[in-house]
Amino acid sequence: MSDLANKHCVPCKGGVPPLAGPELARLAAELPAWTVADGHHITRKFTFPDFKLALAFVNRVGEVAEAEGHHPDILLAWGRAEVTTYTHKIDGLTESDFILAAKIDALYE
């Protein structure tokens, strides 16, 4: 499990640039199952043997997101869930997006 999972999301007040360059690459390398899309958001697909387990996972993701105050976009379908996250306030990525992703990974392990 990534050390990121032990951190907590920090509310973004805006006025900071989105992650880019070496810092973005470093954080992305810590979560290889996630895809960085256009340097703007990260996404991961999770698979399950049925709808019930996918729904239970999505509900656990929701609990973590609420506790962290950082809310991803979640797509639920039969046997799968797709999670996408970025920091809406700056329309890009912050460390909190990677922290949340690491916490979500821990739910799936």
PDB file of N, CA and C in Angstrom:
ATOM      1  N   MET A   1       0.850  -1.180   0.000  1.00  0.00           N
ATOM      2  CA  MET A   1       0.000   0.000   0.000  1.00  0.00           C
ATOM      3  C   MET A   1       0.894   1.241   0.000  1.00  0.00           C
ATOM      4  N   SER A   2       0.510   2.219  -0.763  1.00  0.00           N
ATOM      5  CA  SER A   2       1.257   3.468  -0.875  1.00  0.00           C
ATOM      6  C   SER A   2       1.208   4.253   0.438  1.00  0.00           C
ATOM      7  N   ASP A   3       2.301   4.951   0.749  1.00  0.00           N
ATOM      8  CA  ASP A   3       2.325   5.830   1.920  1.00  0.00           C
ATOM      9  C   ASP A   3       1.278   6.934   1.802  1.00  0.00           C
ATOM     10  N   LEU A   4       0.856   7.212   0.582  1.00  0.00           N
ATOM     11  CA  LEU A   4      -0.172   8.235   0.374  1.00  0.00           C
ATOM     12  C   LEU A   4      -1.447   7.899   1.132  1.00  0.00           C
ATOM     13  N   ALA A   5      -1.747   6.619   1.289  1.00  0.00           N
ATOM     14  CA  ALA A   5      -2.980   6.196   1.964  1.00  0.00           C
ATOM     15  C   ALA A   5      -2.993   6.596   3.439  1.00  0.00           C
ATOM     16  N   ASN A   6      -1.826   6.895   3.996  1.00  0.00           N
ATOM     17  CA  ASN A   6      -1.748   7.300   5.407  1.00  0.00           C
ATOM     18  C   ASN A   6      -1.912   8.805   5.596  1.00  0.00           C
ATOM     19  N   LYS A   7      -1.959   9.537   4.507  1.00  0.00           N
ATOM     20  CA  LYS A   7      -2.138  10.990   4.578  1.00  0.00           C
ATOM     21  C   LYS A   7      -3.631  11.325   4.507  1.00  0.00           C
ATOM     22  N   HIS A   8      -3.936  12.597   4.672  1.00  0.00           N
ATOM     23  CA  HIS A   8      -5.319  13.060   4.560  1.00  0.00           C
ATOM     24  C   HIS A   8      -5.417  14.149   3.498  1.00  0.00           C
ATOM     25  N   CYS A   9      -6.542  14.174   2.832  1.00  0.00           N
ATOM     26  CA  CYS A   9      -6.795  15.195   1.815  1.00  0.00           C
ATOM     27  C   CYS A   9      -6.856  16.567   2.480  1.00  0.00           C
ATOM     28  N   VAL A  10      -6.361  17.555   1.750  1.00  0.00           N
ATOM     29  CA  VAL A  10      -6.368  18.933   2.230  1.00  0.00           C
ATOM     30  C   VAL A  10      -7.301  19.734   1.332  1.00  0.00           C
ATOM     31  N   PRO A  11      -8.280  20.420   1.921  1.00  0.00           N
ATOM     32  CA  PRO A  11      -9.185  21.210   1.088  1.00  0.00           C
ATOM     33  C   PRO A  11      -8.427  22.244   0.259  1.00  0.00           C
ATOM     34  N   CYS A  12      -8.771  22.334  -0.998  1.00  0.00           N
ATOM     35  CA  CYS A  12      -8.127  23.290  -1.895  1.00  0.00           C
ATOM     36  C   CYS A  12      -8.925  24.583  -1.889  1.00  0.00           C
ATOM     37  N   LYS A  13      -8.245  25.678  -1.638  1.00  0.00           N
ATOM     38  CA  LYS A  13      -8.907  26.981  -1.626  1.00  0.00           C
ATOM     39  C   LYS A  13      -8.750  27.700  -2.965  1.00  0.00           C
ATOM     40  N   GLY A  14      -8.093  27.047  -3.918  1.00  0.00           N
ATOM     41  CA  GLY A  14      -7.850  27.678  -5.214  1.00  0.00           C
ATOM     42  C   GLY A  14      -6.573  28.483  -5.180  1.00  0.00           C
ATOM     43  N   GLY A  15      -6.253  29.067  -6.317  1.00  0.00           N
ATOM     44  CA  GLY A  15      -5.081  29.919  -6.395  1.00  0.00           C
ATOM     45  C   GLY A  15      -3.755  29.179  -6.451  1.00  0.00           C
ATOM     46  N   VAL A  16      -3.792  27.858  -6.561  1.00  0.00           N
ATOM     47  CA  VAL A  16      -2.563  27.084  -6.708  1.00  0.00           C
ATOM     48  C   VAL A  16      -2.585  26.409  -8.072  1.00  0.00           C
ATOM     49  N   PRO A  17      -1.435  26.244  -8.682  1.00  0.00           N
ATOM     50  CA  PRO A  17      -1.424  25.587  -9.986  1.00  0.00           C
ATOM     51  C   PRO A  17      -1.629  24.080  -9.832  1.00  0.00           C
ATOM     52  N   PRO A  18      -2.240  23.441 -10.818  1.00  0.00           N
ATOM     53  CA  PRO A  18      -2.367  21.981 -10.798  1.00  0.00           C
ATOM     54  C   PRO A  18      -0.979  21.338 -10.876  1.00  0.00           C
ATOM     55  N   LEU A  19      -0.894  20.124 -10.390  1.00  0.00           N
ATOM     56  CA  LEU A  19       0.359  19.377 -10.488  1.00  0.00           C
ATOM     57  C   LEU A  19       0.761  19.198 -11.942  1.00  0.00           C
ATOM     58  N   ALA A  20       2.052  19.209 -12.176  1.00  0.00           N
ATOM     59  CA  ALA A  20       2.589  19.001 -13.523  1.00  0.00           C
ATOM     60  C   ALA A  20       4.029  18.530 -13.386  1.00  0.00           C
ATOM     61  N   GLY A  21       4.601  18.112 -14.482  1.00  0.00           N
ATOM     62  CA  GLY A  21       6.026  17.788 -14.539  1.00  0.00           C
ATOM     63  C   GLY A  21       6.447  16.689 -13.587  1.00  0.00           C
ATOM     64  N   PRO A  22       7.640  16.850 -12.987  1.00  0.00           N
ATOM     65  CA  PRO A  22       8.205  15.791 -12.147  1.00  0.00           C
ATOM     66  C   PRO A  22       7.347  15.428 -10.935  1.00  0.00           C
ATOM     67  N   GLU A  23       6.698  16.399 -10.332  1.00  0.00           N
ATOM     68  CA  GLU A  23       5.861  16.111  -9.160  1.00  0.00           C
ATOM     69  C   GLU A  23       4.667  15.248  -9.557  1.00  0.00           C
ATOM     70  N   LEU A  24       4.038  15.548 -10.663  1.00  0.00           N
ATOM     71  CA  LEU A  24       2.929  14.733 -11.160  1.00  0.00           C
ATOM     72  C   LEU A  24       3.426  13.326 -11.492  1.00  0.00           C
ATOM     73  N   ALA A  25       4.555  13.234 -12.145  1.00  0.00           N
ATOM     74  CA  ALA A  25       5.117  11.929 -12.515  1.00  0.00           C
ATOM     75  C   ALA A  25       5.460  11.102 -11.275  1.00  0.00           C
ATOM     76  N   ARG A  26       5.992  11.742 -10.248  1.00  0.00           N
ATOM     77  CA  ARG A  26       6.351  11.035  -9.007  1.00  0.00           C
ATOM     78  C   ARG A  26       5.121  10.440  -8.344  1.00  0.00           C
ATOM     79  N   LEU A  27       4.062  11.241  -8.220  1.00  0.00           N
ATOM     80  CA  LEU A  27       2.836  10.749  -7.585  1.00  0.00           C
ATOM     81  C   LEU A  27       2.172   9.668  -8.436  1.00  0.00           C
ATOM     82  N   ALA A  28       2.156   9.856  -9.738  1.00  0.00           N
ATOM     83  CA  ALA A  28       1.557   8.855 -10.637  1.00  0.00           C
ATOM     84  C   ALA A  28       2.294   7.524 -10.519  1.00  0.00           C
ATOM     85  N   ALA A  29       3.602   7.562 -10.346  1.00  0.00           N
ATOM     86  CA  ALA A  29       4.392   6.337 -10.225  1.00  0.00           C
ATOM     87  C   ALA A  29       4.046   5.558  -8.955  1.00  0.00           C
ATOM     88  N   GLU A  30       3.560   6.251  -7.938  1.00  0.00           N
ATOM     89  CA  GLU A  30       3.170   5.576  -6.700  1.00  0.00           C
ATOM     90  C   GLU A  30       1.864   4.807  -6.849  1.00  0.00           C
ATOM     91  N   LEU A  31       1.076   5.130  -7.878  1.00  0.00           N
ATOM     92  CA  LEU A  31      -0.223   4.483  -8.095  1.00  0.00           C
ATOM     93  C   LEU A  31      -0.319   3.995  -9.539  1.00  0.00           C
ATOM     94  N   PRO A  32       0.436   2.962  -9.884  1.00  0.00           N
ATOM     95  CA  PRO A  32       0.514   2.530 -11.281  1.00  0.00           C
ATOM     96  C   PRO A  32      -0.803   2.002 -11.864  1.00  0.00           C
ATOM     97  N   ALA A  33      -1.750   1.618 -11.033  1.00  0.00           N
ATOM     98  CA  ALA A  33      -3.032   1.122 -11.548  1.00  0.00           C
ATOM     99  C   ALA A  33      -3.937   2.256 -12.027  1.00  0.00           C
ATOM    100  N   TRP A  34      -3.603   3.480 -11.673  1.00  0.00           N
ATOM    101  CA  TRP A  34      -4.380   4.643 -12.074  1.00  0.00           C
ATOM    102  C   TRP A  34      -3.781   5.253 -13.331  1.00  0.00           C
ATOM    103  N   THR A  35      -4.623   5.815 -14.164  1.00  0.00           N
ATOM    104  CA  THR A  35      -4.189   6.457 -15.399  1.00  0.00           C
ATOM    105  C   THR A  35      -4.344   7.964 -15.264  1.00  0.00           C
ATOM    106  N   VAL A  36      -3.270   8.684 -15.566  1.00  0.00           N
ATOM    107  CA  VAL A  36      -3.344  10.143 -15.614  1.00  0.00           C
ATOM    108  C   VAL A  36      -3.811  10.513 -17.013  1.00  0.00           C
ATOM    109  N   ALA A  37      -4.918  11.211 -17.096  1.00  0.00           N
ATOM    110  CA  ALA A  37      -5.494  11.590 -18.383  1.00  0.00           C
ATOM    111  C   ALA A  37      -5.305  13.078 -18.637  1.00  0.00           C
ATOM    112  N   ASP A  38      -4.548  13.382 -19.680  1.00  0.00           N
ATOM    113  CA  ASP A  38      -4.318  14.762 -20.109  1.00  0.00           C
ATOM    114  C   ASP A  38      -3.743  15.648 -19.001  1.00  0.00           C
ATOM    115  N   GLY A  39      -3.088  15.043 -18.020  1.00  0.00           N
ATOM    116  CA  GLY A  39      -2.548  15.821 -16.907  1.00  0.00           C
ATOM    117  C   GLY A  39      -3.629  16.487 -16.082  1.00  0.00           C
ATOM    118  N   HIS A  40      -4.884  16.107 -16.299  1.00  0.00           N
ATOM    119  CA  HIS A  40      -6.029  16.781 -15.685  1.00  0.00           C
ATOM    120  C   HIS A  40      -6.716  15.970 -14.594  1.00  0.00           C
ATOM    121  N   HIS A  41      -6.852  14.660 -14.794  1.00  0.00           N
ATOM    122  CA  HIS A  41      -7.530  13.819 -13.820  1.00  0.00           C
ATOM    123  C   HIS A  41      -6.903  12.429 -13.824  1.00  0.00           C
ATOM    124  N   ILE A  42      -7.232  11.657 -12.783  1.00  0.00           N
ATOM    125  CA  ILE A  42      -6.784  10.270 -12.726  1.00  0.00           C
ATOM    126  C   ILE A  42      -8.011   9.370 -12.672  1.00  0.00           C
ATOM    127  N   THR A  43      -7.860   8.193 -13.255  1.00  0.00           N
ATOM    128  CA  THR A  43      -8.990   7.279 -13.336  1.00  0.00           C
ATOM    129  C   THR A  43      -8.526   5.837 -13.179  1.00  0.00           C
ATOM    130  N   ARG A  44      -9.420   5.013 -12.660  1.00  0.00           N
ATOM    131  CA  ARG A  44      -9.138   3.582 -12.537  1.00  0.00           C
ATOM    132  C   ARG A  44     -10.444   2.809 -12.638  1.00  0.00           C
ATOM    133  N   LYS A  45     -10.387   1.677 -13.320  1.00  0.00           N
ATOM    134  CA  LYS A  45     -11.524   0.759 -13.420  1.00  0.00           C
ATOM    135  C   LYS A  45     -11.301  -0.396 -12.454  1.00  0.00           C
ATOM    136  N   PHE A  46     -12.350  -0.762 -11.749  1.00  0.00           N
ATOM    137  CA  PHE A  46     -12.327  -1.866 -10.794  1.00  0.00           C
ATOM    138  C   PHE A  46     -13.352  -2.895 -11.258  1.00  0.00           C
ATOM    139  N   THR A  47     -13.008  -4.177 -11.187  1.00  0.00           N
ATOM    140  CA  THR A  47     -13.942  -5.216 -11.626  1.00  0.00           C
ATOM    141  C   THR A  47     -14.348  -6.110 -10.457  1.00  0.00           C
ATOM    142  N   PHE A  48     -15.560  -6.654 -10.575  1.00  0.00           N
ATOM    143  CA  PHE A  48     -16.162  -7.488  -9.543  1.00  0.00           C
ATOM    144  C   PHE A  48     -16.964  -8.602 -10.206  1.00  0.00           C
ATOM    145  N   PRO A  49     -17.238  -9.673  -9.485  1.00  0.00           N
ATOM    146  CA  PRO A  49     -17.983 -10.772 -10.104  1.00  0.00           C
ATOM    147  C   PRO A  49     -19.483 -10.512 -10.257  1.00  0.00           C
ATOM    148  N   ASP A  50     -19.988  -9.453  -9.629  1.00  0.00           N
ATOM    149  CA  ASP A  50     -21.421  -9.174  -9.746  1.00  0.00           C
ATOM    150  C   ASP A  50     -21.730  -7.720  -9.370  1.00  0.00           C
ATOM    151  N   PHE A  51     -22.979  -7.348  -9.507  1.00  0.00           N
ATOM    152  CA  PHE A  51     -23.406  -5.981  -9.209  1.00  0.00           C
ATOM    153  C   PHE A  51     -23.323  -5.680  -7.716  1.00  0.00           C
ATOM    154  N   LYS A  52     -23.719  -6.639  -6.891  1.00  0.00           N
ATOM    155  CA  LYS A  52     -23.771  -6.422  -5.451  1.00  0.00           C
ATOM    156  C   LYS A  52     -22.398  -6.040  -4.887  1.00  0.00           C
ATOM    157  N   LEU A  53     -21.358  -6.734  -5.315  1.00  0.00           N
ATOM    158  CA  LEU A  53     -20.016  -6.418  -4.821  1.00  0.00           C
ATOM    159  C   LEU A  53     -19.512  -5.086  -5.366  1.00  0.00           C
ATOM    160  N   ALA A  54     -19.850  -4.776  -6.593  1.00  0.00           N
ATOM    161  CA  ALA A  54     -19.475  -3.474  -7.161  1.00  0.00           C
ATOM    162  C   ALA A  54     -20.157  -2.350  -6.380  1.00  0.00           C
ATOM    163  N   LEU A  55     -21.434  -2.529  -6.065  1.00  0.00           N
ATOM    164  CA  LEU A  55     -22.182  -1.527  -5.305  1.00  0.00           C
ATOM    165  C   LEU A  55     -21.604  -1.359  -3.898  1.00  0.00           C
ATOM    166  N   ALA A  56     -21.262  -2.462  -3.254  1.00  0.00           N
ATOM    167  CA  ALA A  56     -20.677  -2.384  -1.910  1.00  0.00           C
ATOM    168  C   ALA A  56     -19.357  -1.606  -1.945  1.00  0.00           C
ATOM    169  N   PHE A  57     -18.557  -1.850  -2.974  1.00  0.00           N
ATOM    170  CA  PHE A  57     -17.297  -1.121  -3.132  1.00  0.00           C
ATOM    171  C   PHE A  57     -17.566   0.372  -3.310  1.00  0.00           C
ATOM    172  N   VAL A  58     -18.505   0.712  -4.174  1.00  0.00           N
ATOM    173  CA  VAL A  58     -18.839   2.120  -4.417  1.00  0.00           C
ATOM    174  C   VAL A  58     -19.296   2.787  -3.118  1.00  0.00           C
ATOM    175  N   ASN A  59     -20.067   2.092  -2.319  1.00  0.00           N
ATOM    176  CA  ASN A  59     -20.520   2.653  -1.047  1.00  0.00           C
ATOM    177  C   ASN A  59     -19.351   2.897  -0.098  1.00  0.00           C
ATOM    178  N   ARG A  60     -18.374   1.978  -0.087  1.00  0.00           N
ATOM    179  CA  ARG A  60     -17.178   2.179   0.750  1.00  0.00           C
ATOM    180  C   ARG A  60     -16.354   3.361   0.229  1.00  0.00           C
ATOM    181  N   VAL A  61     -16.247   3.483  -1.079  1.00  0.00           N
ATOM    182  CA  VAL A  61     -15.547   4.636  -1.665  1.00  0.00           C
ATOM    183  C   VAL A  61     -16.240   5.924  -1.229  1.00  0.00           C
ATOM    184  N   GLY A  62     -17.562   5.929  -1.265  1.00  0.00           N
ATOM    185  CA  GLY A  62     -18.318   7.106  -0.841  1.00  0.00           C
ATOM    186  C   GLY A  62     -18.053   7.484   0.604  1.00  0.00           C
ATOM    187  N   GLU A  63     -17.941   6.489   1.468  1.00  0.00           N
ATOM    188  CA  GLU A  63     -17.655   6.753   2.881  1.00  0.00           C
ATOM    189  C   GLU A  63     -16.275   7.382   3.058  1.00  0.00           C
ATOM    190  N   VAL A  64     -15.293   6.847   2.348  1.00  0.00           N
ATOM    191  CA  VAL A  64     -13.943   7.404   2.428  1.00  0.00           C
ATOM    192  C   VAL A  64     -13.928   8.826   1.870  1.00  0.00           C
ATOM    193  N   ALA A  65     -14.571   9.029   0.740  1.00  0.00           N
ATOM    194  CA  ALA A  65     -14.609  10.353   0.124  1.00  0.00           C
ATOM    195  C   ALA A  65     -15.252  11.373   1.065  1.00  0.00           C
ATOM    196  N   GLU A  66     -16.319  10.984   1.695  1.00  0.00           N
ATOM    197  CA  GLU A  66     -17.004  11.900   2.619  1.00  0.00           C
ATOM    198  C   GLU A  66     -16.108  12.206   3.821  1.00  0.00           C
ATOM    199  N   ALA A  67     -15.441  11.192   4.348  1.00  0.00           N
ATOM    200  CA  ALA A  67     -14.546  11.398   5.491  1.00  0.00           C
ATOM    201  C   ALA A  67     -13.380  12.314   5.133  1.00  0.00           C
ATOM    202  N   GLU A  68     -12.897  12.220   3.894  1.00  0.00           N
ATOM    203  CA  GLU A  68     -11.764  13.031   3.449  1.00  0.00           C
ATOM    204  C   GLU A  68     -12.199  14.397   2.913  1.00  0.00           C
ATOM    205  N   GLY A  69     -13.489  14.580   2.659  1.00  0.00           N
ATOM    206  CA  GLY A  69     -13.966  15.841   2.095  1.00  0.00           C
ATOM    207  C   GLY A  69     -13.481  16.056   0.673  1.00  0.00           C
ATOM    208  N   HIS A  70     -13.255  14.961  -0.033  1.00  0.00           N
ATOM    209  CA  HIS A  70     -12.752  15.020  -1.412  1.00  0.00           C
ATOM    210  C   HIS A  70     -13.539  13.987  -2.213  1.00  0.00           C
ATOM    211  N   HIS A  71     -14.313  14.435  -3.177  1.00  0.00           N
ATOM    212  CA  HIS A  71     -15.325  13.587  -3.791  1.00  0.00           C
ATOM    213  C   HIS A  71     -15.043  13.291  -5.261  1.00  0.00           C
ATOM    214  N   PRO A  72     -14.872  12.004  -5.588  1.00  0.00           N
ATOM    215  CA  PRO A  72     -14.603  11.606  -6.975  1.00  0.00           C
ATOM    216  C   PRO A  72     -15.897  11.450  -7.766  1.00  0.00           C
ATOM    217  N   ASP A  73     -15.735  11.307  -9.060  1.00  0.00           N
ATOM    218  CA  ASP A  73     -16.840  10.900  -9.926  1.00  0.00           C
ATOM    219  C   ASP A  73     -16.789   9.376  -9.976  1.00  0.00           C
ATOM    220  N   ILE A  74     -17.946   8.735  -9.804  1.00  0.00           N
ATOM    221  CA  ILE A  74     -17.997   7.280  -9.760  1.00  0.00           C
ATOM    222  C   ILE A  74     -19.042   6.786 -10.757  1.00  0.00           C
ATOM    223  N   LEU A  75     -18.638   5.859 -11.593  1.00  0.00           N
ATOM    224  CA  LEU A  75     -19.550   5.196 -12.521  1.00  0.00           C
ATOM    225  C   LEU A  75     -19.711   3.760 -12.047  1.00  0.00           C
ATOM    226  N   LEU A  76     -20.952   3.354 -11.799  1.00  0.00           N
ATOM    227  CA  LEU A  76     -21.265   2.006 -11.346  1.00  0.00           C
ATOM    228  C   LEU A  76     -22.002   1.266 -12.443  1.00  0.00           C
ATOM    229  N   ALA A  77     -21.565   0.051 -12.734  1.00  0.00           N
ATOM    230  CA  ALA A  77     -22.241  -0.813 -13.705  1.00  0.00           C
ATOM    231  C   ALA A  77     -22.143  -2.240 -13.178  1.00  0.00           C
ATOM    232  N   TRP A  78     -22.837  -3.157 -13.837  1.00  0.00           N
ATOM    233  CA  TRP A  78     -22.795  -4.545 -13.402  1.00  0.00           C
ATOM    234  C   TRP A  78     -21.351  -5.042 -13.456  1.00  0.00           C
ATOM    235  N   GLY A  79     -20.835  -5.442 -12.294  1.00  0.00           N
ATOM    236  CA  GLY A  79     -19.507  -6.027 -12.217  1.00  0.00           C
ATOM    237  C   GLY A  79     -18.349  -5.064 -12.359  1.00  0.00           C
ATOM    238  N   ARG A  80     -18.610  -3.777 -12.333  1.00  0.00           N
ATOM    239  CA  ARG A  80     -17.485  -2.850 -12.443  1.00  0.00           C
ATOM    240  C   ARG A  80     -17.841  -1.484 -11.860  1.00  0.00           C
ATOM    241  N   ALA A  81     -16.791  -0.778 -11.505  1.00  0.00           N
ATOM    242  CA  ALA A  81     -16.909   0.610 -11.058  1.00  0.00           C
ATOM    243  C   ALA A  81     -15.709   1.348 -11.639  1.00  0.00           C
ATOM    244  N   GLU A  82     -15.937   2.562 -12.065  1.00  0.00           N
ATOM    245  CA  GLU A  82     -14.851   3.403 -12.558  1.00  0.00           C
ATOM    246  C   GLU A  82     -14.832   4.669 -11.721  1.00  0.00           C
ATOM    247  N   VAL A  83     -13.655   4.998 -11.209  1.00  0.00           N
ATOM    248  CA  VAL A  83     -13.497   6.171 -10.358  1.00  0.00           C
ATOM    249  C   VAL A  83     -12.581   7.168 -11.058  1.00  0.00           C
ATOM    250  N   THR A  84     -13.022   8.409 -11.097  1.00  0.00           N
ATOM    251  CA  THR A  84     -12.237   9.499 -11.667  1.00  0.00           C
ATOM    252  C   THR A  84     -12.174  10.613 -10.630  1.00  0.00           C
ATOM    253  N   THR A  85     -10.996  11.147 -10.443  1.00  0.00           N
ATOM    254  CA  THR A  85     -10.883  12.240  -9.484  1.00  0.00           C
ATOM    255  C   THR A  85      -9.934  13.325  -9.996  1.00  0.00           C
ATOM    256  N   TYR A  86     -10.284  14.534  -9.643  1.00  0.00           N
ATOM    257  CA  TYR A  86      -9.435  15.710  -9.845  1.00  0.00           C
ATOM    258  C   TYR A  86      -9.966  16.773  -8.902  1.00  0.00           C
ATOM    259  N   THR A  87      -9.230  17.844  -8.741  1.00  0.00           N
ATOM    260  CA  THR A  87      -9.631  18.902  -7.830  1.00  0.00           C
ATOM    261  C   THR A  87     -10.395  19.962  -8.620  1.00  0.00           C
ATOM    262  N   HIS A  88     -11.695  19.995  -8.399  1.00  0.00           N
ATOM    263  CA  HIS A  88     -12.571  20.868  -9.164  1.00  0.00           C
ATOM    264  C   HIS A  88     -12.203  22.348  -9.017  1.00  0.00           C
ATOM    265  N   LYS A  89     -11.782  22.730  -7.824  1.00  0.00           N
ATOM    266  CA  LYS A  89     -11.490  24.144  -7.538  1.00  0.00           C
ATOM    267  C   LYS A  89     -10.414  24.715  -8.461  1.00  0.00           C
ATOM    268  N   ILE A  90      -9.459  23.867  -8.873  1.00  0.00           N
ATOM    269  CA  ILE A  90      -8.393  24.349  -9.760  1.00  0.00           C
ATOM    270  C   ILE A  90      -8.447  23.677 -11.129  1.00  0.00           C
ATOM    271  N   ASP A  91      -9.456  22.834 -11.332  1.00  0.00           N
ATOM    272  CA  ASP A  91      -9.641  22.121 -12.600  1.00  0.00           C
ATOM    273  C   ASP A  91      -8.378  21.362 -13.006  1.00  0.00           C
ATOM    274  N   GLY A  92      -7.836  20.634 -12.040  1.00  0.00           N
ATOM    275  CA  GLY A  92      -6.636  19.848 -12.287  1.00  0.00           C
ATOM    276  C   GLY A  92      -6.313  18.994 -11.079  1.00  0.00           C
ATOM    277  N   LEU A  93      -5.124  18.443 -11.053  1.00  0.00           N
ATOM    278  CA  LEU A  93      -4.722  17.509 -10.011  1.00  0.00           C
ATOM    279  C   LEU A  93      -3.944  18.164  -8.878  1.00  0.00           C
ATOM    280  N   THR A  94      -4.207  17.686  -7.659  1.00  0.00           N
ATOM    281  CA  THR A  94      -3.434  18.047  -6.475  1.00  0.00           C
ATOM    282  C   THR A  94      -3.023  16.750  -5.790  1.00  0.00           C
ATOM    283  N   GLU A  95      -2.168  16.849  -4.796  1.00  0.00           N
ATOM    284  CA  GLU A  95      -1.770  15.656  -4.054  1.00  0.00           C
ATOM    285  C   GLU A  95      -2.978  14.963  -3.446  1.00  0.00           C
ATOM    286  N   SER A  96      -3.999  15.712  -3.066  1.00  0.00           N
ATOM    287  CA  SER A  96      -5.196  15.111  -2.463  1.00  0.00           C
ATOM    288  C   SER A  96      -5.862  14.095  -3.389  1.00  0.00           C
ATOM    289  N   ASP A  97      -5.794  14.314  -4.688  1.00  0.00           N
ATOM    290  CA  ASP A  97      -6.366  13.345  -5.622  1.00  0.00           C
ATOM    291  C   ASP A  97      -5.639  12.012  -5.527  1.00  0.00           C
ATOM    292  N   PHE A  98      -4.342  12.057  -5.368  1.00  0.00           N
ATOM    293  CA  PHE A  98      -3.547  10.833  -5.250  1.00  0.00           C
ATOM    294  C   PHE A  98      -3.730  10.186  -3.882  1.00  0.00           C
ATOM    295  N   ILE A  99      -3.913  10.997  -2.857  1.00  0.00           N
ATOM    296  CA  ILE A  99      -4.202  10.464  -1.523  1.00  0.00           C
ATOM    297  C   ILE A  99      -5.519   9.703  -1.561  1.00  0.00           C
ATOM    298  N   LEU A 100      -6.549  10.306  -2.129  1.00  0.00           N
ATOM    299  CA  LEU A 100      -7.842   9.642  -2.229  1.00  0.00           C
ATOM    300  C   LEU A 100      -7.727   8.357  -3.049  1.00  0.00           C
ATOM    301  N   ALA A 101      -7.011   8.400  -4.147  1.00  0.00           N
ATOM    302  CA  ALA A 101      -6.828   7.213  -4.978  1.00  0.00           C
ATOM    303  C   ALA A 101      -6.152   6.093  -4.198  1.00  0.00           C
ATOM    304  N   ALA A 102      -5.148   6.424  -3.411  1.00  0.00           N
ATOM    305  CA  ALA A 102      -4.463   5.410  -2.613  1.00  0.00           C
ATOM    306  C   ALA A 102      -5.396   4.794  -1.579  1.00  0.00           C
ATOM    307  N   LYS A 103      -6.239   5.609  -0.968  1.00  0.00           N
ATOM    308  CA  LYS A 103      -7.211   5.109  -0.015  1.00  0.00           C
ATOM    309  C   LYS A 103      -8.233   4.192  -0.705  1.00  0.00           C
ATOM    310  N   ILE A 104      -8.621   4.538  -1.909  1.00  0.00           N
ATOM    311  CA  ILE A 104      -9.549   3.701  -2.682  1.00  0.00           C
ATOM    312  C   ILE A 104      -8.883   2.375  -3.039  1.00  0.00           C
ATOM    313  N   ASP A 105      -7.622   2.427  -3.446  1.00  0.00           N
ATOM    314  CA  ASP A 105      -6.880   1.192  -3.743  1.00  0.00           C
ATOM    315  C   ASP A 105      -6.891   0.256  -2.525  1.00  0.00           C
ATOM    316  N   ALA A 106      -6.716   0.811  -1.333  1.00  0.00           N
ATOM    317  CA  ALA A 106      -6.687  -0.002  -0.121  1.00  0.00           C
ATOM    318  C   ALA A 106      -8.021  -0.720   0.111  1.00  0.00           C
ATOM    319  N   LEU A 107      -9.106  -0.132  -0.357  1.00  0.00           N
ATOM    320  CA  LEU A 107     -10.421  -0.782  -0.222  1.00  0.00           C
ATOM    321  C   LEU A 107     -10.550  -1.981  -1.157  1.00  0.00           C
ATOM    322  N   TYR A 108      -9.824  -1.969  -2.234  1.00  0.00           N
ATOM    323  CA  TYR A 108      -9.936  -2.996  -3.274  1.00  0.00           C
ATOM    324  C   TYR A 108      -9.000  -4.173  -3.032  1.00  0.00           C
ATOM    325  N   GLU A 109      -7.960  -3.953  -2.246  1.00  0.00           N
ATOM    326  CA  GLU A 109      -6.955  -5.001  -2.020  1.00  0.00           C
ATOM    327  C   GLU A 109      -7.493  -6.142  -1.204  1.00  0.00           C
TER     328      GLU A 109
END
